PDB file of N, CA and C in Angstrom:
ATOM      1  N   UNK A   1       0.593  -1.368   0.032  1.00  0.00           N
ATOM      2  CA  UNK A   1      -0.204  -0.264  -0.035  1.00  0.00           C
ATOM      3  C   UNK A   1       1.031   1.292  -0.051  1.00  0.00           C
ATOM      4  N   UNK A   2       0.464   2.422  -1.029  1.00  0.00           N
ATOM      5  CA  UNK A   2       1.555   3.749  -0.820  1.00  0.00           C
ATOM      6  C   UNK A   2       0.946   4.590   0.087  1.00  0.00           C
ATOM      7  N   UNK A   3       1.854   4.933   0.593  1.00  0.00           N
ATOM      8  CA  UNK A   3       1.411   5.935   1.808  1.00  0.00           C
ATOM      9  C   UNK A   3       0.676   7.504   0.815  1.00  0.00           C
ATOM     10  N   UNK A   4      -0.351   7.894   1.672  1.00  0.00           N
ATOM     11  CA  UNK A   4      -1.500   9.255   0.851  1.00  0.00           C
ATOM     12  C   UNK A   4      -0.430  10.293   0.859  1.00  0.00           C
ATOM     13  N   UNK A   5      -0.506  11.368   0.122  1.00  0.00           N
ATOM     14  CA  UNK A   5       0.268  12.688  -0.012  1.00  0.00           C
ATOM     15  C   UNK A   5       0.387  13.110   0.992  1.00  0.00           C
ATOM     16  N   UNK A   6      -0.397  13.121   1.910  1.00  0.00           N
ATOM     17  CA  UNK A   6       0.021  13.756   3.371  1.00  0.00           C
ATOM     18  C   UNK A   6       0.881  12.886   4.904  1.00  0.00           C
ATOM     19  N   UNK A   7       0.994  11.435   3.979  1.00  0.00           N
ATOM     20  CA  UNK A   7       1.790  10.444   4.864  1.00  0.00           C
ATOM     21  C   UNK A   7       3.053  10.487   4.123  1.00  0.00           C
ATOM     22  N   UNK A   8       3.129  10.778   2.795  1.00  0.00           N
ATOM     23  CA  UNK A   8       4.511  10.548   2.475  1.00  0.00           C
ATOM     24  C   UNK A   8       5.151  12.188   2.902  1.00  0.00           C
ATOM     25  N   UNK A   9       4.354  13.324   3.034  1.00  0.00           N
ATOM     26  CA  UNK A   9       5.311  14.858   3.128  1.00  0.00           C
ATOM     27  C   UNK A   9       5.586  14.473   5.328  1.00  0.00           C
ATOM     28  N   UNK A  10       5.013  13.801   5.290  1.00  0.00           N
ATOM     29  CA  UNK A  10       5.493  13.009   7.196  1.00  0.00           C
ATOM     30  C   UNK A  10       7.316  12.744   6.684  1.00  0.00           C
ATOM     31  N   UNK A  11       6.907  11.641   5.904  1.00  0.00           N
ATOM     32  CA  UNK A  11       7.841  10.914   5.814  1.00  0.00           C
ATOM     33  C   UNK A  11       9.095  11.727   5.366  1.00  0.00           C
ATOM     34  N   UNK A  12       8.795  12.022   4.356  1.00  0.00           N
ATOM     35  CA  UNK A  12       9.743  12.663   3.563  1.00  0.00           C
ATOM     36  C   UNK A  12      10.375  14.700   4.748  1.00  0.00           C
ATOM     37  N   UNK A  13       9.775  14.919   5.520  1.00  0.00           N
ATOM     38  CA  UNK A  13       9.848  15.775   6.688  1.00  0.00           C
ATOM     39  C   UNK A  13      11.151  15.414   7.713  1.00  0.00           C
ATOM     40  N   UNK A  14      11.037  13.882   7.958  1.00  0.00           N
ATOM     41  CA  UNK A  14      11.378  13.562   9.119  1.00  0.00           C
ATOM     42  C   UNK A  14      12.690  13.147   8.629  1.00  0.00           C
ATOM     43  N   UNK A  15      12.926  12.660   7.282  1.00  0.00           N
ATOM     44  CA  UNK A  15      14.299  12.105   6.480  1.00  0.00           C
ATOM     45  C   UNK A  15      15.138  13.504   6.201  1.00  0.00           C
ATOM     46  N   UNK A  16      14.139  14.874   5.836  1.00  0.00           N
ATOM     47  CA  UNK A  16      15.069  15.974   5.494  1.00  0.00           C
ATOM     48  C   UNK A  16      15.675  16.310   6.751  1.00  0.00           C
ATOM     49  N   UNK A  17      14.923  15.958   7.941  1.00  0.00           N
ATOM     50  CA  UNK A  17      15.041  17.077   8.791  1.00  0.00           C
ATOM     51  C   UNK A  17      16.098  16.033  10.334  1.00  0.00           C
ATOM     52  N   UNK A  18      16.287  14.625   9.975  1.00  0.00           N
ATOM     53  CA  UNK A  18      17.020  14.071  10.676  1.00  0.00           C
ATOM     54  C   UNK A  18      18.543  14.480  11.422  1.00  0.00           C
ATOM     55  N   UNK A  19      19.250  14.905  10.737  1.00  0.00           N
ATOM     56  CA  UNK A  19      20.350  15.095  11.078  1.00  0.00           C
ATOM     57  C   UNK A  19      20.450  16.560  11.656  1.00  0.00           C
ATOM     58  N   UNK A  20      19.335  17.131  11.741  1.00  0.00           N
ATOM     59  CA  UNK A  20      19.263  18.191  12.484  1.00  0.00           C
ATOM     60  C   UNK A  20      18.997  17.909  14.435  1.00  0.00           C
ATOM     61  N   UNK A  21      17.963  16.573  14.140  1.00  0.00           N
ATOM     62  CA  UNK A  21      17.189  16.631  15.568  1.00  0.00           C
ATOM     63  C   UNK A  21      18.453  15.080  15.906  1.00  0.00           C
ATOM     64  N   UNK A  22      19.535  14.885  15.237  1.00  0.00           N
ATOM     65  CA  UNK A  22      20.351  13.922  15.671  1.00  0.00           C
ATOM     66  C   UNK A  22      21.938  15.138  16.317  1.00  0.00           C
ATOM     67  N   UNK A  23      21.717  15.941  15.880  1.00  0.00           N
ATOM     68  CA  UNK A  23      22.695  17.018  16.351  1.00  0.00           C
ATOM     69  C   UNK A  23      21.929  17.758  17.519  1.00  0.00           C
ATOM     70  N   UNK A  24      21.153  18.576  17.068  1.00  0.00           N
ATOM     71  CA  UNK A  24      20.484  19.524  17.985  1.00  0.00           C
ATOM     72  C   UNK A  24      19.934  18.766  19.595  1.00  0.00           C
ATOM     73  N   UNK A  25      19.272  17.453  19.096  1.00  0.00           N
ATOM     74  CA  UNK A  25      18.305  16.767  20.405  1.00  0.00           C
ATOM     75  C   UNK A  25      18.622  15.751  20.810  1.00  0.00           C
ATOM     76  N   UNK A  26      20.551  15.574  20.397  1.00  0.00           N
ATOM     77  CA  UNK A  26      21.519  14.577  20.839  1.00  0.00           C
ATOM     78  C   UNK A  26      20.632  13.003  20.667  1.00  0.00           C
ATOM     79  N   UNK A  27      19.721  12.899  19.423  1.00  0.00           N
ATOM     80  CA  UNK A  27      18.640  11.679  18.951  1.00  0.00           C
ATOM     81  C   UNK A  27      19.661  10.336  19.748  1.00  0.00           C
ATOM     82  N   UNK A  28      20.789  10.435  19.400  1.00  0.00           N
ATOM     83  CA  UNK A  28      20.811   9.308  20.165  1.00  0.00           C
ATOM     84  C   UNK A  28      20.867   8.515  21.307  1.00  0.00           C
ATOM     85  N   UNK A  29      20.972   9.693  21.927  1.00  0.00           N
ATOM     86  CA  UNK A  29      21.327   9.559  23.288  1.00  0.00           C
ATOM     87  C   UNK A  29      19.563   9.536  24.008  1.00  0.00           C
ATOM     88  N   UNK A  30      19.157  10.786  23.914  1.00  0.00           N
ATOM     89  CA  UNK A  30      17.964  11.219  23.942  1.00  0.00           C
ATOM     90  C   UNK A  30      17.019  10.100  23.614  1.00  0.00           C
ATOM     91  N   UNK A  31      16.374   9.985  22.383  1.00  0.00           N
ATOM     92  CA  UNK A  31      15.803   9.149  22.141  1.00  0.00           C
ATOM     93  C   UNK A  31      14.329   9.862  22.225  1.00  0.00           C
ATOM     94  N   UNK A  32      14.549  11.675  21.733  1.00  0.00           N
ATOM     95  CA  UNK A  32      13.421  12.016  21.568  1.00  0.00           C
ATOM     96  C   UNK A  32      13.362  12.684  20.604  1.00  0.00           C
ATOM     97  N   UNK A  33      12.157  13.052  19.889  1.00  0.00           N
ATOM     98  CA  UNK A  33      11.814  14.116  18.580  1.00  0.00           C
ATOM     99  C   UNK A  33      10.962  14.974  18.982  1.00  0.00           C
ATOM    100  N   UNK A  34      10.599  15.219  20.163  1.00  0.00           N
ATOM    101  CA  UNK A  34       9.591  16.011  21.183  1.00  0.00           C
ATOM    102  C   UNK A  34       9.932  17.326  21.819  1.00  0.00           C
ATOM    103  N   UNK A  35       9.687  18.076  22.302  1.00  0.00           N
ATOM    104  CA  UNK A  35      10.037  19.180  22.793  1.00  0.00           C
ATOM    105  C   UNK A  35      10.174  18.544  24.349  1.00  0.00           C
ATOM    106  N   UNK A  36      10.526  19.394  25.109  1.00  0.00           N
ATOM    107  CA  UNK A  36      10.902  19.427  26.501  1.00  0.00           C
ATOM    108  C   UNK A  36       9.947  19.679  27.834  1.00  0.00           C
ATOM    109  N   UNK A  37       9.757  19.691  29.013  1.00  0.00           N
ATOM    110  CA  UNK A  37       8.984  20.228  29.748  1.00  0.00           C
ATOM    111  C   UNK A  37      10.182  20.466  30.892  1.00  0.00           C
ATOM    112  N   UNK A  38       9.371  21.826  31.262  1.00  0.00           N
ATOM    113  CA  UNK A  38      10.837  22.881  31.911  1.00  0.00           C
ATOM    114  C   UNK A  38       9.660  22.924  33.331  1.00  0.00           C
ATOM    115  N   UNK A  39      10.538  22.652  34.323  1.00  0.00           N
ATOM    116  CA  UNK A  39       9.987  23.235  35.685  1.00  0.00           C
ATOM    117  C   UNK A  39      11.015  23.465  36.670  1.00  0.00           C
ATOM    118  N   UNK A  40      10.865  23.730  38.065  1.00  0.00           N
ATOM    119  CA  UNK A  40      11.766  24.293  38.442  1.00  0.00           C
ATOM    120  C   UNK A  40      13.125  23.324  38.840  1.00  0.00           C
ATOM    121  N   UNK A  41      12.972  21.925  38.627  1.00  0.00           N
ATOM    122  CA  UNK A  41      13.829  20.468  38.807  1.00  0.00           C
ATOM    123  C   UNK A  41      14.732  20.154  37.478  1.00  0.00           C
ATOM    124  N   UNK A  42      14.161  20.967  36.059  1.00  0.00           N
ATOM    125  CA  UNK A  42      14.962  20.759  35.426  1.00  0.00           C
ATOM    126  C   UNK A  42      15.938  22.072  35.052  1.00  0.00           C
ATOM    127  N   UNK A  43      17.423  21.988  34.604  1.00  0.00           N
ATOM    128  CA  UNK A  43      18.560  22.523  34.565  1.00  0.00           C
ATOM    129  C   UNK A  43      18.623  22.311  32.951  1.00  0.00           C
ATOM    130  N   UNK A  44      18.530  21.502  32.346  1.00  0.00           N
ATOM    131  CA  UNK A  44      18.970  21.254  30.549  1.00  0.00           C
ATOM    132  C   UNK A  44      18.543  20.579  30.040  1.00  0.00           C
ATOM    133  N   UNK A  45      18.621  21.202  28.556  1.00  0.00           N
ATOM    134  CA  UNK A  45      17.379  20.737  27.278  1.00  0.00           C
ATOM    135  C   UNK A  45      17.194  18.949  27.250  1.00  0.00           C
ATOM    136  N   UNK A  46      18.181  18.371  27.720  1.00  0.00           N
ATOM    137  CA  UNK A  46      18.283  16.972  27.659  1.00  0.00           C
ATOM    138  C   UNK A  46      17.516  16.110  29.052  1.00  0.00           C
ATOM    139  N   UNK A  47      17.319  16.970  30.132  1.00  0.00           N
ATOM    140  CA  UNK A  47      16.406  16.934  31.268  1.00  0.00           C
ATOM    141  C   UNK A  47      14.928  16.889  30.804  1.00  0.00           C
ATOM    142  N   UNK A  48      15.170  18.458  30.488  1.00  0.00           N
ATOM    143  CA  UNK A  48      13.260  18.634  29.794  1.00  0.00           C
ATOM    144  C   UNK A  48      12.381  17.756  28.915  1.00  0.00           C
ATOM    145  N   UNK A  49      14.122  16.960  28.129  1.00  0.00           N
ATOM    146  CA  UNK A  49      13.245  15.277  27.235  1.00  0.00           C
ATOM    147  C   UNK A  49      12.636  14.606  28.157  1.00  0.00           C
ATOM    148  N   UNK A  50      13.326  14.449  28.896  1.00  0.00           N
ATOM    149  CA  UNK A  50      13.531  13.024  29.931  1.00  0.00           C
ATOM    150  C   UNK A  50      11.949  13.547  30.879  1.00  0.00           C
ATOM    151  N   UNK A  51      11.714  14.473  30.980  1.00  0.00           N
ATOM    152  CA  UNK A  51      10.783  15.391  32.123  1.00  0.00           C
ATOM    153  C   UNK A  51       9.825  15.351  31.165  1.00  0.00           C
ATOM    154  N   UNK A  52       9.353  15.731  29.978  1.00  0.00           N
ATOM    155  CA  UNK A  52       8.655  15.498  29.263  1.00  0.00           C
ATOM    156  C   UNK A  52       8.136  13.885  29.352  1.00  0.00           C
ATOM    157  N   UNK A  53       8.456  12.902  29.425  1.00  0.00           N
ATOM    158  CA  UNK A  53       8.299  11.623  29.754  1.00  0.00           C
ATOM    159  C   UNK A  53       7.273  11.421  30.666  1.00  0.00           C
ATOM    160  N   UNK A  54       7.952  11.919  31.614  1.00  0.00           N
ATOM    161  CA  UNK A  54       7.907  11.630  33.354  1.00  0.00           C
ATOM    162  C   UNK A  54       6.175  12.443  33.069  1.00  0.00           C
ATOM    163  N   UNK A  55       6.021  13.345  32.909  1.00  0.00           N
ATOM    164  CA  UNK A  55       4.860  13.991  33.002  1.00  0.00           C
ATOM    165  C   UNK A  55       3.762  13.754  31.683  1.00  0.00           C
ATOM    166  N   UNK A  56       4.307  12.967  30.648  1.00  0.00           N
ATOM    167  CA  UNK A  56       2.834  12.391  30.070  1.00  0.00           C
ATOM    168  C   UNK A  56       2.598  11.592  30.645  1.00  0.00           C
ATOM    169  N   UNK A  57       3.343  10.306  31.439  1.00  0.00           N
ATOM    170  CA  UNK A  57       3.151   9.019  32.272  1.00  0.00           C
ATOM    171  C   UNK A  57       1.806   9.160  33.205  1.00  0.00           C
ATOM    172  N   UNK A  58       2.976  10.482  33.494  1.00  0.00           N
ATOM    173  CA  UNK A  58       1.582  11.260  35.262  1.00  0.00           C
ATOM    174  C   UNK A  58       0.507  11.464  35.203  1.00  0.00           C
ATOM    175  N   UNK A  59       0.540  12.310  33.909  1.00  0.00           N
ATOM    176  CA  UNK A  59      -0.874  13.053  33.495  1.00  0.00           C
ATOM    177  C   UNK A  59      -1.880  11.619  32.900  1.00  0.00           C
ATOM    178  N   UNK A  60      -1.037  10.897  32.270  1.00  0.00           N
ATOM    179  CA  UNK A  60      -2.416   9.582  31.347  1.00  0.00           C
ATOM    180  C   UNK A  60      -2.352   8.629  32.332  1.00  0.00           C
ATOM    181  N   UNK A  61      -1.838   8.754  33.883  1.00  0.00           N
ATOM    182  CA  UNK A  61      -1.960   7.643  34.604  1.00  0.00           C
ATOM    183  C   UNK A  61      -1.588   6.276  34.255  1.00  0.00           C
ATOM    184  N   UNK A  62      -0.732   6.250  33.648  1.00  0.00           N
ATOM    185  CA  UNK A  62      -0.420   5.006  33.026  1.00  0.00           C
ATOM    186  C   UNK A  62      -0.014   3.810  33.978  1.00  0.00           C
ATOM    187  N   UNK A  63      -0.421   2.836  33.813  1.00  0.00           N
ATOM    188  CA  UNK A  63       0.100   1.748  34.995  1.00  0.00           C
ATOM    189  C   UNK A  63       0.430   0.678  34.542  1.00  0.00           C
ATOM    190  N   UNK A  64       1.066   0.061  34.937  1.00  0.00           N
ATOM    191  CA  UNK A  64       2.187  -1.178  34.359  1.00  0.00           C
ATOM    192  C   UNK A  64       0.961  -2.043  34.151  1.00  0.00           C
ATOM    193  N   UNK A  65       0.124  -2.037  34.022  1.00  0.00           N
ATOM    194  CA  UNK A  65      -1.045  -3.694  33.545  1.00  0.00           C
ATOM    195  C   UNK A  65      -1.828  -2.539  31.888  1.00  0.00           C
ATOM    196  N   UNK A  66      -1.303  -1.813  31.669  1.00  0.00           N
ATOM    197  CA  UNK A  66      -1.852  -0.906  30.919  1.00  0.00           C
ATOM    198  C   UNK A  66      -1.189  -1.473  29.368  1.00  0.00           C
ATOM    199  N   UNK A  67      -1.785  -1.317  28.260  1.00  0.00           N
ATOM    200  CA  UNK A  67      -1.071  -1.820  26.632  1.00  0.00           C
ATOM    201  C   UNK A  67      -1.487  -0.013  26.416  1.00  0.00           C
ATOM    202  N   UNK A  68      -0.312   0.630  26.205  1.00  0.00           N
ATOM    203  CA  UNK A  68      -0.303   1.154  25.705  1.00  0.00           C
ATOM    204  C   UNK A  68       0.347   1.958  23.688  1.00  0.00           C
ATOM    205  N   UNK A  69      -0.600   2.562  22.783  1.00  0.00           N
ATOM    206  CA  UNK A  69      -0.251   2.514  21.516  1.00  0.00           C
ATOM    207  C   UNK A  69       0.464   3.946  21.904  1.00  0.00           C
ATOM    208  N   UNK A  70       1.875   3.741  20.822  1.00  0.00           N
ATOM    209  CA  UNK A  70       2.745   5.248  20.466  1.00  0.00           C
ATOM    210  C   UNK A  70       2.323   5.676  19.546  1.00  0.00           C
ATOM    211  N   UNK A  71       1.200   6.228  18.892  1.00  0.00           N
ATOM    212  CA  UNK A  71       0.938   6.056  17.413  1.00  0.00           C
ATOM    213  C   UNK A  71       1.695   7.693  16.771  1.00  0.00           C
ATOM    214  N   UNK A  72       3.057   7.704  15.794  1.00  0.00           N
ATOM    215  CA  UNK A  72       4.245   8.389  15.957  1.00  0.00           C
ATOM    216  C   UNK A  72       5.155   8.327  16.468  1.00  0.00           C
ATOM    217  N   UNK A  73       5.174   7.563  16.487  1.00  0.00           N
ATOM    218  CA  UNK A  73       6.550   6.952  17.770  1.00  0.00           C
ATOM    219  C   UNK A  73       7.896   7.462  17.493  1.00  0.00           C
ATOM    220  N   UNK A  74       8.085   7.702  16.025  1.00  0.00           N
ATOM    221  CA  UNK A  74       9.593   7.992  16.145  1.00  0.00           C
ATOM    222  C   UNK A  74      10.487   7.037  16.568  1.00  0.00           C
ATOM    223  N   UNK A  75      11.691   7.547  16.684  1.00  0.00           N
ATOM    224  CA  UNK A  75      12.700   6.450  17.424  1.00  0.00           C
ATOM    225  C   UNK A  75      12.278   5.914  17.917  1.00  0.00           C
ATOM    226  N   UNK A  76      11.290   5.452  18.695  1.00  0.00           N
ATOM    227  CA  UNK A  76      10.452   4.922  20.280  1.00  0.00           C
ATOM    228  C   UNK A  76      11.026   5.631  21.562  1.00  0.00           C
ATOM    229  N   UNK A  77      11.550   6.572  22.087  1.00  0.00           N
ATOM    230  CA  UNK A  77      12.336   6.694  22.893  1.00  0.00           C
ATOM    231  C   UNK A  77      11.086   7.086  24.062  1.00  0.00           C
ATOM    232  N   UNK A  78       9.804   7.755  23.780  1.00  0.00           N
ATOM    233  CA  UNK A  78       8.758   7.789  25.074  1.00  0.00           C
ATOM    234  C   UNK A  78       8.408   6.206  25.150  1.00  0.00           C
ATOM    235  N   UNK A  79       8.277   5.461  24.511  1.00  0.00           N
ATOM    236  CA  UNK A  79       7.771   3.856  23.785  1.00  0.00           C
ATOM    237  C   UNK A  79       8.648   3.255  25.045  1.00  0.00           C
ATOM    238  N   UNK A  80       9.970   3.751  24.705  1.00  0.00           N
ATOM    239  CA  UNK A  80      11.249   2.776  25.874  1.00  0.00           C
ATOM    240  C   UNK A  80      11.233   3.589  27.205  1.00  0.00           C
ATOM    241  N   UNK A  81      11.002   4.392  27.345  1.00  0.00           N
ATOM    242  CA  UNK A  81      10.615   4.940  28.747  1.00  0.00           C
ATOM    243  C   UNK A  81       9.478   4.528  29.417  1.00  0.00           C
ATOM    244  N   UNK A  82       8.383   4.237  28.994  1.00  0.00           N
ATOM    245  CA  UNK A  82       7.180   3.648  29.418  1.00  0.00           C
ATOM    246  C   UNK A  82       7.335   2.675  29.847  1.00  0.00           C
ATOM    247  N   UNK A  83       8.255   1.810  28.910  1.00  0.00           N
ATOM    248  CA  UNK A  83       8.532   0.018  28.996  1.00  0.00           C
ATOM    249  C   UNK A  83       9.164   0.238  30.262  1.00  0.00           C
ATOM    250  N   UNK A  84      10.259   0.814  30.332  1.00  0.00           N
ATOM    251  CA  UNK A  84      11.432   0.916  31.750  1.00  0.00           C
ATOM    252  C   UNK A  84      11.141   1.482  33.009  1.00  0.00           C
ATOM    253  N   UNK A  85      10.348   2.909  32.694  1.00  0.00           N
ATOM    254  CA  UNK A  85       9.879   3.589  33.785  1.00  0.00           C
ATOM    255  C   UNK A  85       9.171   2.577  34.575  1.00  0.00           C
ATOM    256  N   UNK A  86       7.514   2.293  33.652  1.00  0.00           N
ATOM    257  CA  UNK A  86       6.489   1.584  34.579  1.00  0.00           C
ATOM    258  C   UNK A  86       6.747   0.151  34.222  1.00  0.00           C
ATOM    259  N   UNK A  87       6.709  -0.415  33.278  1.00  0.00           N
ATOM    260  CA  UNK A  87       7.180  -1.804  32.853  1.00  0.00           C
ATOM    261  C   UNK A  87       5.312  -2.568  31.891  1.00  0.00           C
ATOM    262  N   UNK A  88       4.846  -0.863  31.382  1.00  0.00           N
ATOM    263  CA  UNK A  88       3.655  -1.725  30.925  1.00  0.00           C
ATOM    264  C   UNK A  88       3.906  -1.826  29.667  1.00  0.00           C
ATOM    265  N   UNK A  89       2.876  -2.368  28.596  1.00  0.00           N
ATOM    266  CA  UNK A  89       3.402  -3.155  27.552  1.00  0.00           C
ATOM    267  C   UNK A  89       3.461  -1.653  26.430  1.00  0.00           C
ATOM    268  N   UNK A  90       3.809  -1.946  25.608  1.00  0.00           N
ATOM    269  CA  UNK A  90       4.207  -0.700  24.618  1.00  0.00           C
ATOM    270  C   UNK A  90       3.655  -0.962  23.382  1.00  0.00           C
ATOM    271  N   UNK A  91       3.098  -0.440  22.040  1.00  0.00           N
ATOM    272  CA  UNK A  91       3.181  -0.726  21.378  1.00  0.00           C
ATOM    273  C   UNK A  91       3.909   0.538  20.185  1.00  0.00           C
ATOM    274  N   UNK A  92       4.698   0.604  19.645  1.00  0.00           N
ATOM    275  CA  UNK A  92       4.983   1.887  18.774  1.00  0.00           C
ATOM    276  C   UNK A  92       4.596   1.680  17.098  1.00  0.00           C
ATOM    277  N   UNK A  93       4.140   2.721  16.492  1.00  0.00           N
ATOM    278  CA  UNK A  93       4.182   2.693  14.876  1.00  0.00           C
ATOM    279  C   UNK A  93       4.962   4.058  14.368  1.00  0.00           C
ATOM    280  N   UNK A  94       5.164   4.174  13.395  1.00  0.00           N
ATOM    281  CA  UNK A  94       5.572   4.994  12.661  1.00  0.00           C
ATOM    282  C   UNK A  94       5.386   4.694  11.381  1.00  0.00           C
ATOM    283  N   UNK A  95       5.527   6.382  10.345  1.00  0.00           N
ATOM    284  CA  UNK A  95       5.344   6.032   9.061  1.00  0.00           C
ATOM    285  C   UNK A  95       6.682   5.984   8.306  1.00  0.00           C
ATOM    286  N   UNK A  96       7.966   6.189   9.799  1.00  0.00           N
ATOM    287  CA  UNK A  96       9.210   6.741   8.839  1.00  0.00           C
ATOM    288  C   UNK A  96      10.082   5.080   9.221  1.00  0.00           C
ATOM    289  N   UNK A  97      10.316   4.490   8.010  1.00  0.00           N
ATOM    290  CA  UNK A  97      10.718   3.406   8.014  1.00  0.00           C
ATOM    291  C   UNK A  97      12.004   3.585   8.727  1.00  0.00           C
ATOM    292  N   UNK A  98      13.018   4.610   8.217  1.00  0.00           N
ATOM    293  CA  UNK A  98      13.987   4.827   9.134  1.00  0.00           C
ATOM    294  C   UNK A  98      14.407   5.335  10.591  1.00  0.00           C
ATOM    295  N   UNK A  99      13.236   5.302  10.867  1.00  0.00           N
ATOM    296  CA  UNK A  99      13.155   5.728  12.650  1.00  0.00           C
ATOM    297  C   UNK A  99      12.380   4.585  13.304  1.00  0.00           C
ATOM    298  N   UNK A 100      12.212   3.708  12.415  1.00  0.00           N
ATOM    299  CA  UNK A 100      11.276   2.419  13.156  1.00  0.00           C
ATOM    300  C   UNK A 100      12.793   1.330  13.522  1.00  0.00           C
ATOM    301  N   UNK A 101      14.008   1.399  12.140  1.00  0.00           N
ATOM    302  CA  UNK A 101      15.481   0.851  12.431  1.00  0.00           C
ATOM    303  C   UNK A 101      15.617   1.517  13.540  1.00  0.00           C
TER     304      UNK A 101
END
């Protein structure tokens, strides 16, 4: 099945911007392609990326017994965080084959 034009534009965007995320977001270590969450405990951009995952998990009240679908998971950073931090079952899906790999 061929992606729709809209889906192809998303795929093309992430393909074109991958190096920027690798550099600016320290993608290999942060596994994040989302914005950070800043509060009084956060002292760096990298910490803000991790904090965003914590706030998301707490706000969504995700429990160990939950099954979570991370639609648009990118490289899977939030999925990995949830699986490790909460030990819930997470399935991530992405339009980008490169990000899945």
